[in-house]
Amino acid sequence: WTECGHRYEPDFVVVETSGDHLLVEVKADRDLNSVDVRAKREAAQRWATYANDGLPSGSPRWSYLLISETDLREAKEDWAALRKLAQ
């Protein structure tokens, strides 16, 4: 994710019934603003943009979703509620 050659692997890759793909990262609230988490978020968003470039209209899209422990608690672990965070 950096010029130093760090590798980024998301916690989950979710493929929805629509065909859309999400890179999903789950983090503790205390870690959300750490340098590593910010760098990973930027790298994942860059990658999703790159992966989506040139896809035909209507094709499944890639996006990134960073979920905090507060998000999980407030969404009551409901995927539809969590998914809205990525829109």
C-alpha atoms as a PDB file:
ATOM      1  CA  TRP A   1       0.000   0.000   0.000  1.00  0.00           C
ATOM      2  CA  THR A   2       3.006   2.278   0.082  1.00  0.00           C
ATOM      3  CA  GLU A   3       6.071   2.926  -1.974  1.00  0.00           C
ATOM      4  CA  CYS A   4       7.934   0.776   0.571  1.00  0.00           C
ATOM      5  CA  GLY A   5       6.166  -2.304  -0.766  1.00  0.00           C
ATOM      6  CA  HIS A   6       3.745  -3.005   2.072  1.00  0.00           C
ATOM      7  CA  ARG A   7       1.034  -5.478   1.117  1.00  0.00           C
ATOM      8  CA  TYR A   8      -2.616  -4.945   1.930  1.00  0.00           C
ATOM      9  CA  GLU A   9      -5.099  -7.770   2.330  1.00  0.00           C
ATOM     10  CA  PRO A  10      -8.610  -6.859   3.488  1.00  0.00           C
ATOM     11  CA  ASP A  11     -10.327  -8.778   6.255  1.00  0.00           C
ATOM     12  CA  PHE A  12     -13.090  -9.867   3.867  1.00  0.00           C
ATOM     13  CA  VAL A  13     -14.070  -9.718   0.227  1.00  0.00           C
ATOM     14  CA  VAL A  14     -17.852  -9.676  -0.031  1.00  0.00           C
ATOM     15  CA  VAL A  15     -19.657 -10.529  -3.254  1.00  0.00           C
ATOM     16  CA  GLU A  16     -23.266  -9.439  -3.111  1.00  0.00           C
ATOM     17  CA  THR A  17     -26.124 -11.072  -5.009  1.00  0.00           C
ATOM     18  CA  SER A  18     -26.028  -8.048  -7.341  1.00  0.00           C
ATOM     19  CA  GLY A  19     -22.474  -9.062  -8.244  1.00  0.00           C
ATOM     20  CA  ASP A  20     -20.933  -6.001  -6.589  1.00  0.00           C
ATOM     21  CA  HIS A  21     -17.690  -6.654  -4.720  1.00  0.00           C
ATOM     22  CA  LEU A  22     -16.552  -4.994  -1.512  1.00  0.00           C
ATOM     23  CA  LEU A  23     -13.194  -4.959   0.211  1.00  0.00           C
ATOM     24  CA  VAL A  24     -14.203  -4.960   3.877  1.00  0.00           C
ATOM     25  CA  GLU A  25     -12.008  -4.004   6.792  1.00  0.00           C
ATOM     26  CA  VAL A  26     -13.171  -4.202  10.423  1.00  0.00           C
ATOM     27  CA  LYS A  27     -11.325  -2.109  13.007  1.00  0.00           C
ATOM     28  CA  ALA A  28     -11.593  -1.148  16.648  1.00  0.00           C
ATOM     29  CA  ASP A  29     -12.753   2.430  17.195  1.00  0.00           C
ATOM     30  CA  ARG A  30      -9.406   3.322  18.754  1.00  0.00           C
ATOM     31  CA  ASP A  31      -7.552   2.309  15.566  1.00  0.00           C
ATOM     32  CA  LEU A  32      -9.648   4.158  12.974  1.00  0.00           C
ATOM     33  CA  ASN A  33      -7.324   7.147  12.746  1.00  0.00           C
ATOM     34  CA  SER A  34      -4.045   5.268  12.917  1.00  0.00           C
ATOM     35  CA  VAL A  35      -1.508   5.876  10.172  1.00  0.00           C
ATOM     36  CA  ASP A  36      -1.718   2.262   8.988  1.00  0.00           C
ATOM     37  CA  VAL A  37      -5.524   2.199   8.800  1.00  0.00           C
ATOM     38  CA  ARG A  38      -5.608   5.501   6.896  1.00  0.00           C
ATOM     39  CA  ALA A  39      -2.946   4.226   4.477  1.00  0.00           C
ATOM     40  CA  LYS A  40      -4.801   0.956   3.931  1.00  0.00           C
ATOM     41  CA  ARG A  41      -8.083   2.797   3.351  1.00  0.00           C
ATOM     42  CA  GLU A  42      -6.472   5.050   0.763  1.00  0.00           C
ATOM     43  CA  ALA A  43      -4.808   2.081  -0.953  1.00  0.00           C
ATOM     44  CA  ALA A  44      -8.058   0.081  -1.051  1.00  0.00           C
ATOM     45  CA  GLN A  45     -10.007   3.041  -2.421  1.00  0.00           C
ATOM     46  CA  ARG A  46      -7.336   3.625  -5.073  1.00  0.00           C
ATOM     47  CA  TRP A  47      -7.424  -0.040  -6.023  1.00  0.00           C
ATOM     48  CA  ALA A  48     -11.247  -0.070  -6.265  1.00  0.00           C
ATOM     49  CA  THR A  49     -11.141   2.982  -8.526  1.00  0.00           C
ATOM     50  CA  TYR A  50      -8.485   1.305 -10.677  1.00  0.00           C
ATOM     51  CA  ALA A  51     -10.470  -1.962 -10.834  1.00  0.00           C
ATOM     52  CA  ASN A  52     -13.649  -0.105 -11.857  1.00  0.00           C
ATOM     53  CA  ASP A  53     -11.991   1.979 -14.584  1.00  0.00           C
ATOM     54  CA  GLY A  54     -13.135   0.861 -17.977  1.00  0.00           C
ATOM     55  CA  LEU A  55     -15.835  -1.517 -16.757  1.00  0.00           C
ATOM     56  CA  PRO A  56     -18.934  -1.389 -18.955  1.00  0.00           C
ATOM     57  CA  SER A  57     -21.969   0.386 -17.551  1.00  0.00           C
ATOM     58  CA  GLY A  58     -24.012  -1.913 -15.337  1.00  0.00           C
ATOM     59  CA  SER A  59     -21.062  -4.163 -14.518  1.00  0.00           C
ATOM     60  CA  PRO A  60     -20.497  -5.242 -10.924  1.00  0.00           C
ATOM     61  CA  ARG A  61     -18.447  -2.607  -9.115  1.00  0.00           C
ATOM     62  CA  TRP A  62     -15.718  -2.725  -6.487  1.00  0.00           C
ATOM     63  CA  SER A  63     -15.886  -0.559  -3.383  1.00  0.00           C
ATOM     64  CA  TYR A  64     -14.278  -0.342   0.032  1.00  0.00           C
ATOM     65  CA  LEU A  65     -16.023  -0.502   3.378  1.00  0.00           C
ATOM     66  CA  LEU A  66     -14.327   0.297   6.674  1.00  0.00           C
ATOM     67  CA  ILE A  67     -16.451  -0.922   9.572  1.00  0.00           C
ATOM     68  CA  SER A  68     -15.813   0.152  13.159  1.00  0.00           C
ATOM     69  CA  GLU A  69     -16.933  -1.620  16.288  1.00  0.00           C
ATOM     70  CA  THR A  70     -19.439   1.210  16.814  1.00  0.00           C
ATOM     71  CA  ASP A  71     -20.812   0.644  13.302  1.00  0.00           C
ATOM     72  CA  LEU A  72     -21.315  -3.042  14.089  1.00  0.00           C
ATOM     73  CA  ARG A  73     -23.054  -2.265  17.346  1.00  0.00           C
ATOM     74  CA  GLU A  74     -25.342   0.419  15.876  1.00  0.00           C
ATOM     75  CA  ALA A  75     -26.222  -1.650  12.813  1.00  0.00           C
ATOM     76  CA  LYS A  76     -26.918  -4.615  15.083  1.00  0.00           C
ATOM     77  CA  GLU A  77     -24.724  -6.613  12.690  1.00  0.00           C
ATOM     78  CA  ASP A  78     -27.313  -6.168   9.902  1.00  0.00           C
ATOM     79  CA  TRP A  79     -25.551  -6.292   6.510  1.00  0.00           C
ATOM     80  CA  ALA A  80     -27.982  -3.879   4.803  1.00  0.00           C
ATOM     81  CA  ALA A  81     -27.345  -1.273   7.496  1.00  0.00           C
ATOM     82  CA  LEU A  82     -23.569  -1.782   7.300  1.00  0.00           C
ATOM     83  CA  ARG A  83     -23.617  -1.701   3.489  1.00  0.00           C
ATOM     84  CA  LYS A  84     -25.137   1.785   3.520  1.00  0.00           C
ATOM     85  CA  LEU A  85     -21.894   3.025   5.098  1.00  0.00           C
ATOM     86  CA  ALA A  86     -20.062   2.364   1.817  1.00  0.00           C
ATOM     87  CA  GLN A  87     -22.426   4.395  -0.348  1.00  0.00           C
END
